[in-house]
């Protein structure tokens, strides 16, 4: 999906692959979209390309968001600012739509008040 998103961003056409529709139907829920949204987007090539771009965008932005949130939270926690560490994670959670990334943020939130192992 990353390669497809990058290729589309660089002006390439969406490849005609018979496995593409099922792949997109499986991917949509993994990035917080419904299967119905994926099915609707598969009706026209231009909408299918938009779906690929949206899946790519959500994955890319969510990955960056998590990295920034985890890094900032760890730094704040290390400096003794657990409330600040919690706020950074809560702010990221408020805008995150990818279920896996939300679960990872929640796991961090669940342990933000735990003492450090060091």
PDB file of N, CA and C in Angstrom:
ATOM      1  N   UNK A   1       0.826  -1.181   0.000  1.00  0.00           N
ATOM      2  CA  UNK A   1       0.000   0.000   0.000  1.00  0.00           C
ATOM      3  C   UNK A   1       0.879   1.255   0.000  1.00  0.00           C
ATOM      4  N   UNK A   2       1.992   1.184   0.698  1.00  0.00           N
ATOM      5  CA  UNK A   2       2.906   2.325   0.720  1.00  0.00           C
ATOM      6  C   UNK A   2       3.411   2.614  -0.689  1.00  0.00           C
ATOM      7  N   UNK A   3       3.831   1.566  -1.381  1.00  0.00           N
ATOM      8  CA  UNK A   3       4.339   1.749  -2.745  1.00  0.00           C
ATOM      9  C   UNK A   3       3.263   2.311  -3.665  1.00  0.00           C
ATOM     10  N   UNK A   4       2.036   1.815  -3.530  1.00  0.00           N
ATOM     11  CA  UNK A   4       0.943   2.328  -4.365  1.00  0.00           C
ATOM     12  C   UNK A   4       0.678   3.798  -4.080  1.00  0.00           C
ATOM     13  N   UNK A   5       0.639   4.152  -2.795  1.00  0.00           N
ATOM     14  CA  UNK A   5       0.404   5.545  -2.431  1.00  0.00           C
ATOM     15  C   UNK A   5       1.486   6.463  -2.958  1.00  0.00           C
ATOM     16  N   UNK A   6       2.727   6.027  -2.843  1.00  0.00           N
ATOM     17  CA  UNK A   6       3.838   6.832  -3.356  1.00  0.00           C
ATOM     18  C   UNK A   6       3.794   6.939  -4.870  1.00  0.00           C
ATOM     19  N   UNK A   7       3.465   5.836  -5.530  1.00  0.00           N
ATOM     20  CA  UNK A   7       3.389   5.861  -6.992  1.00  0.00           C
ATOM     21  C   UNK A   7       2.305   6.826  -7.455  1.00  0.00           C
ATOM     22  N   UNK A   8       1.149   6.791  -6.811  1.00  0.00           N
ATOM     23  CA  UNK A   8       0.070   7.712  -7.175  1.00  0.00           C
ATOM     24  C   UNK A   8       0.477   9.155  -6.916  1.00  0.00           C
ATOM     25  N   UNK A   9       1.175   9.381  -5.813  1.00  0.00           N
ATOM     26  CA  UNK A   9       1.632  10.737  -5.493  1.00  0.00           C
ATOM     27  C   UNK A   9       2.599  11.257  -6.551  1.00  0.00           C
ATOM     28  N   UNK A  10       3.308  10.345  -7.198  1.00  0.00           N
ATOM     29  CA  UNK A  10       4.262  10.726  -8.241  1.00  0.00           C
ATOM     30  C   UNK A  10       3.657  10.693  -9.636  1.00  0.00           C
ATOM     31  N   UNK A  11       2.332  10.588  -9.710  1.00  0.00           N
ATOM     32  CA  UNK A  11       1.651  10.684 -10.994  1.00  0.00           C
ATOM     33  C   UNK A  11       1.412   9.384 -11.729  1.00  0.00           C
ATOM     34  N   UNK A  12       1.759   8.261 -11.129  1.00  0.00           N
ATOM     35  CA  UNK A  12       1.530   6.973 -11.787  1.00  0.00           C
ATOM     36  C   UNK A  12       0.044   6.623 -11.766  1.00  0.00           C
ATOM     37  N   UNK A  13      -0.338   5.777 -12.682  1.00  0.00           N
ATOM     38  CA  UNK A  13      -1.705   5.264 -12.703  1.00  0.00           C
ATOM     39  C   UNK A  13      -1.813   4.077 -11.755  1.00  0.00           C
ATOM     40  N   UNK A  14      -3.007   3.856 -11.260  1.00  0.00           N
ATOM     41  CA  UNK A  14      -3.260   2.704 -10.405  1.00  0.00           C
ATOM     42  C   UNK A  14      -3.178   1.441 -11.259  1.00  0.00           C
ATOM     43  N   UNK A  15      -2.363   0.472 -10.866  1.00  0.00           N
ATOM     44  CA  UNK A  15      -2.255  -0.745 -11.671  1.00  0.00           C
ATOM     45  C   UNK A  15      -3.573  -1.526 -11.669  1.00  0.00           C
ATOM     46  N   UNK A  16      -3.852  -2.176 -12.769  1.00  0.00           N
ATOM     47  CA  UNK A  16      -5.045  -3.010 -12.881  1.00  0.00           C
ATOM     48  C   UNK A  16      -4.699  -4.402 -12.371  1.00  0.00           C
ATOM     49  N   UNK A  17      -4.991  -4.633 -11.114  1.00  0.00           N
ATOM     50  CA  UNK A  17      -4.666  -5.898 -10.465  1.00  0.00           C
ATOM     51  C   UNK A  17      -5.965  -6.518  -9.971  1.00  0.00           C
ATOM     52  N   UNK A  18      -6.264  -7.746 -10.350  1.00  0.00           N
ATOM     53  CA  UNK A  18      -7.524  -8.354  -9.929  1.00  0.00           C
ATOM     54  C   UNK A  18      -7.631  -8.556  -8.418  1.00  0.00           C
ATOM     55  N   UNK A  19      -6.507  -8.536  -7.712  1.00  0.00           N
ATOM     56  CA  UNK A  19      -6.524  -8.699  -6.260  1.00  0.00           C
ATOM     57  C   UNK A  19      -6.694  -7.371  -5.523  1.00  0.00           C
ATOM     58  N   UNK A  20      -6.594  -6.261  -6.247  1.00  0.00           N
ATOM     59  CA  UNK A  20      -6.660  -4.935  -5.631  1.00  0.00           C
ATOM     60  C   UNK A  20      -7.964  -4.692  -4.860  1.00  0.00           C
ATOM     61  N   UNK A  21      -9.135  -4.983  -5.427  1.00  0.00           N
ATOM     62  CA  UNK A  21     -10.371  -4.699  -4.685  1.00  0.00           C
ATOM     63  C   UNK A  21     -10.427  -5.390  -3.318  1.00  0.00           C
ATOM     64  N   UNK A  22     -10.052  -6.658  -3.271  1.00  0.00           N
ATOM     65  CA  UNK A  22     -10.114  -7.368  -1.990  1.00  0.00           C
ATOM     66  C   UNK A  22      -9.071  -6.826  -1.018  1.00  0.00           C
ATOM     67  N   UNK A  23      -7.903  -6.479  -1.511  1.00  0.00           N
ATOM     68  CA  UNK A  23      -6.880  -5.875  -0.656  1.00  0.00           C
ATOM     69  C   UNK A  23      -7.402  -4.582  -0.035  1.00  0.00           C
ATOM     70  N   UNK A  24      -8.019  -3.741  -0.837  1.00  0.00           N
ATOM     71  CA  UNK A  24      -8.535  -2.465  -0.330  1.00  0.00           C
ATOM     72  C   UNK A  24      -9.693  -2.680   0.642  1.00  0.00           C
ATOM     73  N   UNK A  25     -10.522  -3.679   0.385  1.00  0.00           N
ATOM     74  CA  UNK A  25     -11.612  -3.996   1.330  1.00  0.00           C
ATOM     75  C   UNK A  25     -11.051  -4.439   2.682  1.00  0.00           C
ATOM     76  N   UNK A  26      -9.935  -5.162   2.660  1.00  0.00           N
ATOM     77  CA  UNK A  26      -9.316  -5.598   3.917  1.00  0.00           C
ATOM     78  C   UNK A  26      -8.589  -4.457   4.616  1.00  0.00           C
ATOM     79  N   UNK A  27      -7.984  -3.582   3.830  1.00  0.00           N
ATOM     80  CA  UNK A  27      -7.200  -2.487   4.402  1.00  0.00           C
ATOM     81  C   UNK A  27      -8.067  -1.392   5.011  1.00  0.00           C
ATOM     82  N   UNK A  28      -9.210  -1.122   4.421  1.00  0.00           N
ATOM     83  CA  UNK A  28     -10.048   0.001   4.863  1.00  0.00           C
ATOM     84  C   UNK A  28     -10.325  -0.038   6.367  1.00  0.00           C
ATOM     85  N   UNK A  29     -10.810  -1.147   6.933  1.00  0.00           N
ATOM     86  CA  UNK A  29     -11.064  -1.156   8.378  1.00  0.00           C
ATOM     87  C   UNK A  29      -9.794  -0.984   9.219  1.00  0.00           C
ATOM     88  N   UNK A  30      -8.660  -1.379   8.661  1.00  0.00           N
ATOM     89  CA  UNK A  30      -7.406  -1.249   9.397  1.00  0.00           C
ATOM     90  C   UNK A  30      -6.964   0.198   9.552  1.00  0.00           C
ATOM     91  N   UNK A  31      -7.540   1.094   8.747  1.00  0.00           N
ATOM     92  CA  UNK A  31      -7.213   2.517   8.864  1.00  0.00           C
ATOM     93  C   UNK A  31      -8.431   3.334   9.298  1.00  0.00           C
ATOM     94  N   UNK A  32      -9.430   2.661   9.867  1.00  0.00           N
ATOM     95  CA  UNK A  32     -10.581   3.373  10.416  1.00  0.00           C
ATOM     96  C   UNK A  32     -11.659   3.722   9.414  1.00  0.00           C
ATOM     97  N   UNK A  33     -11.690   3.032   8.293  1.00  0.00           N
ATOM     98  CA  UNK A  33     -12.737   3.245   7.291  1.00  0.00           C
ATOM     99  C   UNK A  33     -13.642   2.013   7.283  1.00  0.00           C
ATOM    100  N   UNK A  34     -14.840   2.173   6.777  1.00  0.00           N
ATOM    101  CA  UNK A  34     -15.752   1.037   6.714  1.00  0.00           C
ATOM    102  C   UNK A  34     -15.562   0.273   5.410  1.00  0.00           C
ATOM    103  N   UNK A  35     -15.981  -0.951   5.437  1.00  0.00           N
ATOM    104  CA  UNK A  35     -15.953  -1.758   4.210  1.00  0.00           C
ATOM    105  C   UNK A  35     -16.876  -1.139   3.164  1.00  0.00           C
ATOM    106  N   UNK A  36     -17.986  -0.545   3.609  1.00  0.00           N
ATOM    107  CA  UNK A  36     -18.910   0.116   2.677  1.00  0.00           C
ATOM    108  C   UNK A  36     -18.220   1.285   1.972  1.00  0.00           C
ATOM    109  N   UNK A  37     -17.406   2.038   2.703  1.00  0.00           N
ATOM    110  CA  UNK A  37     -16.658   3.131   2.071  1.00  0.00           C
ATOM    111  C   UNK A  37     -15.721   2.581   0.995  1.00  0.00           C
ATOM    112  N   UNK A  38     -15.083   1.470   1.310  1.00  0.00           N
ATOM    113  CA  UNK A  38     -14.188   0.854   0.328  1.00  0.00           C
ATOM    114  C   UNK A  38     -14.979   0.371  -0.881  1.00  0.00           C
ATOM    115  N   UNK A  39     -16.101  -0.296  -0.631  1.00  0.00           N
ATOM    116  CA  UNK A  39     -16.925  -0.790  -1.743  1.00  0.00           C
ATOM    117  C   UNK A  39     -17.384   0.351  -2.644  1.00  0.00           C
ATOM    118  N   UNK A  40     -17.810   1.450  -2.044  1.00  0.00           N
ATOM    119  CA  UNK A  40     -18.245   2.610  -2.837  1.00  0.00           C
ATOM    120  C   UNK A  40     -17.097   3.165  -3.678  1.00  0.00           C
ATOM    121  N   UNK A  41     -15.910   3.187  -3.109  1.00  0.00           N
ATOM    122  CA  UNK A  41     -14.756   3.735  -3.824  1.00  0.00           C
ATOM    123  C   UNK A  41     -14.297   2.828  -4.962  1.00  0.00           C
ATOM    124  N   UNK A  42     -14.658   1.570  -4.888  1.00  0.00           N
ATOM    125  CA  UNK A  42     -14.218   0.628  -5.921  1.00  0.00           C
ATOM    126  C   UNK A  42     -15.073   0.687  -7.184  1.00  0.00           C
ATOM    127  N   UNK A  43     -16.114   1.493  -7.163  1.00  0.00           N
ATOM    128  CA  UNK A  43     -17.019   1.579  -8.313  1.00  0.00           C
ATOM    129  C   UNK A  43     -16.376   2.277  -9.513  1.00  0.00           C
ATOM    130  N   UNK A  44     -15.471   3.219  -9.237  1.00  0.00           N
ATOM    131  CA  UNK A  44     -14.829   3.978 -10.325  1.00  0.00           C
ATOM    132  C   UNK A  44     -13.337   4.053 -10.062  1.00  0.00           C
ATOM    133  N   UNK A  45     -12.566   4.020 -11.123  1.00  0.00           N
ATOM    134  CA  UNK A  45     -11.104   4.032 -10.993  1.00  0.00           C
ATOM    135  C   UNK A  45     -10.604   5.266 -10.248  1.00  0.00           C
ATOM    136  N   UNK A  46     -11.196   6.424 -10.525  1.00  0.00           N
ATOM    137  CA  UNK A  46     -10.752   7.650  -9.864  1.00  0.00           C
ATOM    138  C   UNK A  46     -11.018   7.573  -8.358  1.00  0.00           C
ATOM    139  N   UNK A  47     -12.138   6.959  -7.973  1.00  0.00           N
ATOM    140  CA  UNK A  47     -12.449   6.810  -6.550  1.00  0.00           C
ATOM    141  C   UNK A  47     -11.555   5.759  -5.896  1.00  0.00           C
ATOM    142  N   UNK A  48     -11.201   4.733  -6.644  1.00  0.00           N
ATOM    143  CA  UNK A  48     -10.285   3.717  -6.123  1.00  0.00           C
ATOM    144  C   UNK A  48      -8.921   4.340  -5.849  1.00  0.00           C
ATOM    145  N   UNK A  49      -8.456   5.170  -6.755  1.00  0.00           N
ATOM    146  CA  UNK A  49      -7.180   5.859  -6.544  1.00  0.00           C
ATOM    147  C   UNK A  49      -7.258   6.763  -5.316  1.00  0.00           C
ATOM    148  N   UNK A  50      -8.387   7.424  -5.131  1.00  0.00           N
ATOM    149  CA  UNK A  50      -8.571   8.271  -3.941  1.00  0.00           C
ATOM    150  C   UNK A  50      -8.551   7.438  -2.667  1.00  0.00           C
ATOM    151  N   UNK A  51      -9.139   6.256  -2.719  1.00  0.00           N
ATOM    152  CA  UNK A  51      -9.128   5.360  -1.563  1.00  0.00           C
ATOM    153  C   UNK A  51      -7.698   4.948  -1.219  1.00  0.00           C
ATOM    154  N   UNK A  52      -6.922   4.588  -2.220  1.00  0.00           N
ATOM    155  CA  UNK A  52      -5.522   4.219  -1.984  1.00  0.00           C
ATOM    156  C   UNK A  52      -4.774   5.395  -1.363  1.00  0.00           C
ATOM    157  N   UNK A  53      -4.986   6.586  -1.890  1.00  0.00           N
ATOM    158  CA  UNK A  53      -4.323   7.779  -1.337  1.00  0.00           C
ATOM    159  C   UNK A  53      -4.723   8.003   0.124  1.00  0.00           C
ATOM    160  N   UNK A  54      -5.999   7.814   0.442  1.00  0.00           N
ATOM    161  CA  UNK A  54      -6.475   8.035   1.811  1.00  0.00           C
ATOM    162  C   UNK A  54      -5.909   6.986   2.767  1.00  0.00           C
ATOM    163  N   UNK A  55      -5.873   5.742   2.345  1.00  0.00           N
ATOM    164  CA  UNK A  55      -5.270   4.701   3.184  1.00  0.00           C
ATOM    165  C   UNK A  55      -3.798   5.027   3.425  1.00  0.00           C
ATOM    166  N   UNK A  56      -3.106   5.425   2.380  1.00  0.00           N
ATOM    167  CA  UNK A  56      -1.694   5.786   2.498  1.00  0.00           C
ATOM    168  C   UNK A  56      -1.521   6.985   3.432  1.00  0.00           C
ATOM    169  N   UNK A  57      -2.356   8.002   3.275  1.00  0.00           N
ATOM    170  CA  UNK A  57      -2.264   9.207   4.106  1.00  0.00           C
ATOM    171  C   UNK A  57      -2.479   8.870   5.579  1.00  0.00           C
ATOM    172  N   UNK A  58      -3.521   8.107   5.867  1.00  0.00           N
ATOM    173  CA  UNK A  58      -3.810   7.771   7.267  1.00  0.00           C
ATOM    174  C   UNK A  58      -2.680   6.964   7.892  1.00  0.00           C
ATOM    175  N   UNK A  59      -2.121   6.056   7.135  1.00  0.00           N
ATOM    176  CA  UNK A  59      -1.013   5.247   7.640  1.00  0.00           C
ATOM    177  C   UNK A  59       0.217   6.115   7.884  1.00  0.00           C
ATOM    178  N   UNK A  60       0.551   6.941   6.911  1.00  0.00           N
ATOM    179  CA  UNK A  60       1.743   7.799   7.016  1.00  0.00           C
ATOM    180  C   UNK A  60       1.600   8.802   8.157  1.00  0.00           C
ATOM    181  N   UNK A  61       0.484   9.533   8.179  1.00  0.00           N
ATOM    182  CA  UNK A  61       0.300  10.552   9.213  1.00  0.00           C
ATOM    183  C   UNK A  61       0.201   9.931  10.599  1.00  0.00           C
ATOM    184  N   UNK A  62      -0.474   8.797  10.701  1.00  0.00           N
ATOM    185  CA  UNK A  62      -0.583   8.128  11.996  1.00  0.00           C
ATOM    186  C   UNK A  62       0.765   7.657  12.510  1.00  0.00           C
ATOM    187  N   UNK A  63       1.582   7.135  11.611  1.00  0.00           N
ATOM    188  CA  UNK A  63       2.918   6.682  11.995  1.00  0.00           C
ATOM    189  C   UNK A  63       3.746   7.847  12.529  1.00  0.00           C
ATOM    190  N   UNK A  64       3.736   8.956  11.813  1.00  0.00           N
ATOM    191  CA  UNK A  64       4.477  10.136  12.271  1.00  0.00           C
ATOM    192  C   UNK A  64       3.914  10.649  13.594  1.00  0.00           C
ATOM    193  N   UNK A  65       2.591  10.680  13.713  1.00  0.00           N
ATOM    194  CA  UNK A  65       1.947  11.172  14.931  1.00  0.00           C
ATOM    195  C   UNK A  65       2.370  10.331  16.132  1.00  0.00           C
ATOM    196  N   UNK A  66       2.366   9.006  15.967  1.00  0.00           N
ATOM    197  CA  UNK A  66       2.765   8.131  17.061  1.00  0.00           C
ATOM    198  C   UNK A  66       4.214   8.366  17.452  1.00  0.00           C
ATOM    199  N   UNK A  67       5.077   8.449  16.468  1.00  0.00           N
ATOM    200  CA  UNK A  67       6.491   8.674  16.767  1.00  0.00           C
ATOM    201  C   UNK A  67       6.715   9.953  17.552  1.00  0.00           C
ATOM    202  N   UNK A  68       6.047  11.018  17.111  1.00  0.00           N
ATOM    203  CA  UNK A  68       6.185  12.300  17.823  1.00  0.00           C
ATOM    204  C   UNK A  68       5.595  12.211  19.231  1.00  0.00           C
ATOM    205  N   UNK A  69       4.423  11.604  19.346  1.00  0.00           N
ATOM    206  CA  UNK A  69       3.760  11.522  20.653  1.00  0.00           C
ATOM    207  C   UNK A  69       4.571  10.666  21.623  1.00  0.00           C
ATOM    208  N   UNK A  70       5.049   9.524  21.165  1.00  0.00           N
ATOM    209  CA  UNK A  70       5.817   8.654  22.051  1.00  0.00           C
ATOM    210  C   UNK A  70       7.123   9.318  22.478  1.00  0.00           C
ATOM    211  N   UNK A  71       7.797   9.963  21.542  1.00  0.00           N
ATOM    212  CA  UNK A  71       9.045  10.646  21.881  1.00  0.00           C
ATOM    213  C   UNK A  71       8.833  11.779  22.864  1.00  0.00           C
ATOM    214  N   UNK A  72       7.825  12.611  22.605  1.00  0.00           N
ATOM    215  CA  UNK A  72       7.539  13.738  23.500  1.00  0.00           C
ATOM    216  C   UNK A  72       7.088  13.240  24.863  1.00  0.00           C
ATOM    217  N   UNK A  73       6.244  12.219  24.875  1.00  0.00           N
ATOM    218  CA  UNK A  73       5.756  11.677  26.141  1.00  0.00           C
ATOM    219  C   UNK A  73       6.905  11.103  26.964  1.00  0.00           C
ATOM    220  N   UNK A  74       7.785  10.352  26.324  1.00  0.00           N
ATOM    221  CA  UNK A  74       8.935   9.786  27.037  1.00  0.00           C
ATOM    222  C   UNK A  74       9.821  10.883  27.614  1.00  0.00           C
ATOM    223  N   UNK A  75      10.059  11.944  26.837  1.00  0.00           N
ATOM    224  CA  UNK A  75      10.895  13.051  27.321  1.00  0.00           C
ATOM    225  C   UNK A  75      10.251  13.748  28.508  1.00  0.00           C
ATOM    226  N   UNK A  76       8.954  14.011  28.394  1.00  0.00           N
ATOM    227  CA  UNK A  76       8.251  14.679  29.494  1.00  0.00           C
ATOM    228  C   UNK A  76       8.224  13.803  30.739  1.00  0.00           C
ATOM    229  N   UNK A  77       7.970  12.520  30.559  1.00  0.00           N
ATOM    230  CA  UNK A  77       7.948  11.601  31.696  1.00  0.00           C
ATOM    231  C   UNK A  77       9.322  11.541  32.358  1.00  0.00           C
ATOM    232  N   UNK A  78      10.379  11.503  31.549  1.00  0.00           N
ATOM    233  CA  UNK A  78      11.743  11.449  32.086  1.00  0.00           C
ATOM    234  C   UNK A  78      12.084  12.700  32.883  1.00  0.00           C
ATOM    235  N   UNK A  79      11.483  13.834  32.502  1.00  0.00           N
ATOM    236  CA  UNK A  79      11.745  15.077  33.230  1.00  0.00           C
ATOM    237  C   UNK A  79      10.826  15.237  34.438  1.00  0.00           C
ATOM    238  N   UNK A  80       9.959  14.252  34.664  1.00  0.00           N
ATOM    239  CA  UNK A  80       9.069  14.296  35.820  1.00  0.00           C
ATOM    240  C   UNK A  80       7.702  14.882  35.541  1.00  0.00           C
ATOM    241  N   UNK A  81       7.437  15.259  34.314  1.00  0.00           N
ATOM    242  CA  UNK A  81       6.152  15.870  33.956  1.00  0.00           C
ATOM    243  C   UNK A  81       5.197  14.806  33.413  1.00  0.00           C
ATOM    244  N   UNK A  82       4.659  14.016  34.317  1.00  0.00           N
ATOM    245  CA  UNK A  82       3.747  12.943  33.907  1.00  0.00           C
ATOM    246  C   UNK A  82       2.439  13.498  33.350  1.00  0.00           C
ATOM    247  N   UNK A  83       1.980  14.617  33.882  1.00  0.00           N
ATOM    248  CA  UNK A  83       0.750  15.235  33.360  1.00  0.00           C
ATOM    249  C   UNK A  83       0.964  15.688  31.918  1.00  0.00           C
ATOM    250  N   UNK A  84       2.116  16.267  31.642  1.00  0.00           N
ATOM    251  CA  UNK A  84       2.436  16.683  30.279  1.00  0.00           C
ATOM    252  C   UNK A  84       2.564  15.488  29.353  1.00  0.00           C
ATOM    253  N   UNK A  85       3.174  14.420  29.865  1.00  0.00           N
ATOM    254  CA  UNK A  85       3.316  13.195  29.073  1.00  0.00           C
ATOM    255  C   UNK A  85       1.944  12.626  28.727  1.00  0.00           C
ATOM    256  N   UNK A  86       1.052  12.635  29.696  1.00  0.00           N
ATOM    257  CA  UNK A  86      -0.313  12.145  29.475  1.00  0.00           C
ATOM    258  C   UNK A  86      -1.036  13.026  28.457  1.00  0.00           C
ATOM    259  N   UNK A  87      -0.881  14.337  28.565  1.00  0.00           N
ATOM    260  CA  UNK A  87      -1.569  15.274  27.666  1.00  0.00           C
ATOM    261  C   UNK A  87      -1.143  15.069  26.211  1.00  0.00           C
ATOM    262  N   UNK A  88       0.141  14.872  25.990  1.00  0.00           N
ATOM    263  CA  UNK A  88       0.641  14.632  24.632  1.00  0.00           C
ATOM    264  C   UNK A  88      -0.033  13.396  24.037  1.00  0.00           C
ATOM    265  N   UNK A  89      -0.130  12.340  24.824  1.00  0.00           N
ATOM    266  CA  UNK A  89      -0.753  11.104  24.346  1.00  0.00           C
ATOM    267  C   UNK A  89      -2.248  11.284  24.123  1.00  0.00           C
ATOM    268  N   UNK A  90      -2.903  11.998  25.032  1.00  0.00           N
ATOM    269  CA  UNK A  90      -4.340  12.253  24.876  1.00  0.00           C
ATOM    270  C   UNK A  90      -4.622  13.101  23.638  1.00  0.00           C
ATOM    271  N   UNK A  91      -3.772  14.081  23.380  1.00  0.00           N
ATOM    272  CA  UNK A  91      -3.945  14.919  22.187  1.00  0.00           C
ATOM    273  C   UNK A  91      -3.797  14.090  20.910  1.00  0.00           C
ATOM    274  N   UNK A  92      -2.828  13.197  20.896  1.00  0.00           N
ATOM    275  CA  UNK A  92      -2.652  12.327  19.727  1.00  0.00           C
ATOM    276  C   UNK A  92      -3.848  11.391  19.577  1.00  0.00           C
ATOM    277  N   UNK A  93      -4.326  10.859  20.681  1.00  0.00           N
ATOM    278  CA  UNK A  93      -5.482   9.954  20.655  1.00  0.00           C
ATOM    279  C   UNK A  93      -6.727  10.667  20.127  1.00  0.00           C
ATOM    280  N   UNK A  94      -6.854  11.943  20.432  1.00  0.00           N
ATOM    281  CA  UNK A  94      -8.042  12.702  20.032  1.00  0.00           C
ATOM    282  C   UNK A  94      -8.187  12.817  18.519  1.00  0.00           C
ATOM    283  N   UNK A  95      -7.096  12.740  17.789  1.00  0.00           N
ATOM    284  CA  UNK A  95      -7.168  12.900  16.333  1.00  0.00           C
ATOM    285  C   UNK A  95      -6.850  11.616  15.562  1.00  0.00           C
ATOM    286  N   UNK A  96      -6.386  10.599  16.257  1.00  0.00           N
ATOM    287  CA  UNK A  96      -5.999   9.358  15.571  1.00  0.00           C
ATOM    288  C   UNK A  96      -7.226   8.529  15.199  1.00  0.00           C
ATOM    289  N   UNK A  97      -7.244   8.014  13.963  1.00  0.00           N
ATOM    290  CA  UNK A  97      -8.369   7.204  13.489  1.00  0.00           C
ATOM    291  C   UNK A  97      -7.991   5.749  13.219  1.00  0.00           C
ATOM    292  N   UNK A  98      -6.710   5.448  13.090  1.00  0.00           N
ATOM    293  CA  UNK A  98      -6.278   4.080  12.797  1.00  0.00           C
ATOM    294  C   UNK A  98      -6.389   3.247  14.078  1.00  0.00           C
ATOM    295  N   UNK A  99      -7.214   2.194  14.066  1.00  0.00           N
ATOM    296  CA  UNK A  99      -7.441   1.413  15.286  1.00  0.00           C
ATOM    297  C   UNK A  99      -6.167   0.876  15.943  1.00  0.00           C
ATOM    298  N   UNK A 100      -5.227   0.357  15.166  1.00  0.00           N
ATOM    299  CA  UNK A 100      -3.989  -0.157  15.746  1.00  0.00           C
ATOM    300  C   UNK A 100      -3.217   0.955  16.447  1.00  0.00           C
ATOM    301  N   UNK A 101      -3.136   2.115  15.832  1.00  0.00           N
ATOM    302  CA  UNK A 101      -2.415   3.232  16.432  1.00  0.00           C
ATOM    303  C   UNK A 101      -3.129   3.724  17.685  1.00  0.00           C
ATOM    304  N   UNK A 102      -4.451   3.719  17.672  1.00  0.00           N
ATOM    305  CA  UNK A 102      -5.211   4.095  18.866  1.00  0.00           C
ATOM    306  C   UNK A 102      -4.918   3.117  20.013  1.00  0.00           C
ATOM    307  N   UNK A 103      -4.842   1.837  19.691  1.00  0.00           N
ATOM    308  CA  UNK A 103      -4.535   0.830  20.712  1.00  0.00           C
ATOM    309  C   UNK A 103      -3.137   1.043  21.286  1.00  0.00           C
ATOM    310  N   UNK A 104      -2.187   1.396  20.431  1.00  0.00           N
ATOM    311  CA  UNK A 104      -0.828   1.648  20.908  1.00  0.00           C
ATOM    312  C   UNK A 104      -0.785   2.886  21.802  1.00  0.00           C
ATOM    313  N   UNK A 105      -1.506   3.920  21.413  1.00  0.00           N
ATOM    314  CA  UNK A 105      -1.582   5.119  22.255  1.00  0.00           C
ATOM    315  C   UNK A 105      -2.228   4.791  23.595  1.00  0.00           C
ATOM    316  N   UNK A 106      -3.281   3.987  23.568  1.00  0.00           N
ATOM    317  CA  UNK A 106      -3.954   3.618  24.811  1.00  0.00           C
ATOM    318  C   UNK A 106      -3.023   2.823  25.721  1.00  0.00           C
ATOM    319  N   UNK A 107      -2.230   1.932  25.144  1.00  0.00           N
ATOM    320  CA  UNK A 107      -1.273   1.162  25.942  1.00  0.00           C
ATOM    321  C   UNK A 107      -0.262   2.090  26.611  1.00  0.00           C
ATOM    322  N   UNK A 108       0.206   3.086  25.889  1.00  0.00           N
ATOM    323  CA  UNK A 108       1.120   4.073  26.470  1.00  0.00           C
ATOM    324  C   UNK A 108       0.416   4.844  27.580  1.00  0.00           C
ATOM    325  N   UNK A 109      -0.815   5.265  27.316  1.00  0.00           N
ATOM    326  CA  UNK A 109      -1.581   6.005  28.328  1.00  0.00           C
ATOM    327  C   UNK A 109      -1.788   5.171  29.583  1.00  0.00           C
ATOM    328  N   UNK A 110      -2.053   3.891  29.400  1.00  0.00           N
ATOM    329  CA  UNK A 110      -2.296   3.008  30.544  1.00  0.00           C
ATOM    330  C   UNK A 110      -1.083   2.899  31.456  1.00  0.00           C
ATOM    331  N   UNK A 111       0.096   3.188  30.922  1.00  0.00           N
ATOM    332  CA  UNK A 111       1.321   3.017  31.709  1.00  0.00           C
ATOM    333  C   UNK A 111       2.103   4.308  31.908  1.00  0.00           C
ATOM    334  N   UNK A 112       1.521   5.433  31.559  1.00  0.00           N
ATOM    335  CA  UNK A 112       2.257   6.695  31.668  1.00  0.00           C
ATOM    336  C   UNK A 112       2.590   7.034  33.123  1.00  0.00           C
ATOM    337  N   UNK A 113       1.801   6.558  34.049  1.00  0.00           N
ATOM    338  CA  UNK A 113       2.054   6.854  35.461  1.00  0.00           C
ATOM    339  C   UNK A 113       2.906   5.793  36.151  1.00  0.00           C
ATOM    340  N   UNK A 114       3.265   4.739  35.433  1.00  0.00           N
ATOM    341  CA  UNK A 114       4.116   3.706  36.016  1.00  0.00           C
ATOM    342  C   UNK A 114       5.509   4.270  36.266  1.00  0.00           C
ATOM    343  N   UNK A 115       6.172   3.796  37.314  1.00  0.00           N
ATOM    344  CA  UNK A 115       7.547   4.249  37.548  1.00  0.00           C
ATOM    345  C   UNK A 115       8.466   3.733  36.442  1.00  0.00           C
ATOM    346  N   UNK A 116       9.519   4.480  36.191  1.00  0.00           N
ATOM    347  CA  UNK A 116      10.490   4.063  35.177  1.00  0.00           C
ATOM    348  C   UNK A 116      11.243   2.837  35.669  1.00  0.00           C
ATOM    349  N   UNK A 117      11.689   2.023  34.723  1.00  0.00           N
ATOM    350  CA  UNK A 117      12.436   0.811  35.064  1.00  0.00           C
ATOM    351  C   UNK A 117      13.905   1.095  35.330  1.00  0.00           C
ATOM    352  N   UNK A 118      14.345   2.303  35.023  1.00  0.00           N
ATOM    353  CA  UNK A 118      15.771   2.602  35.173  1.00  0.00           C
ATOM    354  C   UNK A 118      16.096   3.053  36.565  1.00  0.00           C
TER     355      UNK A 118
END
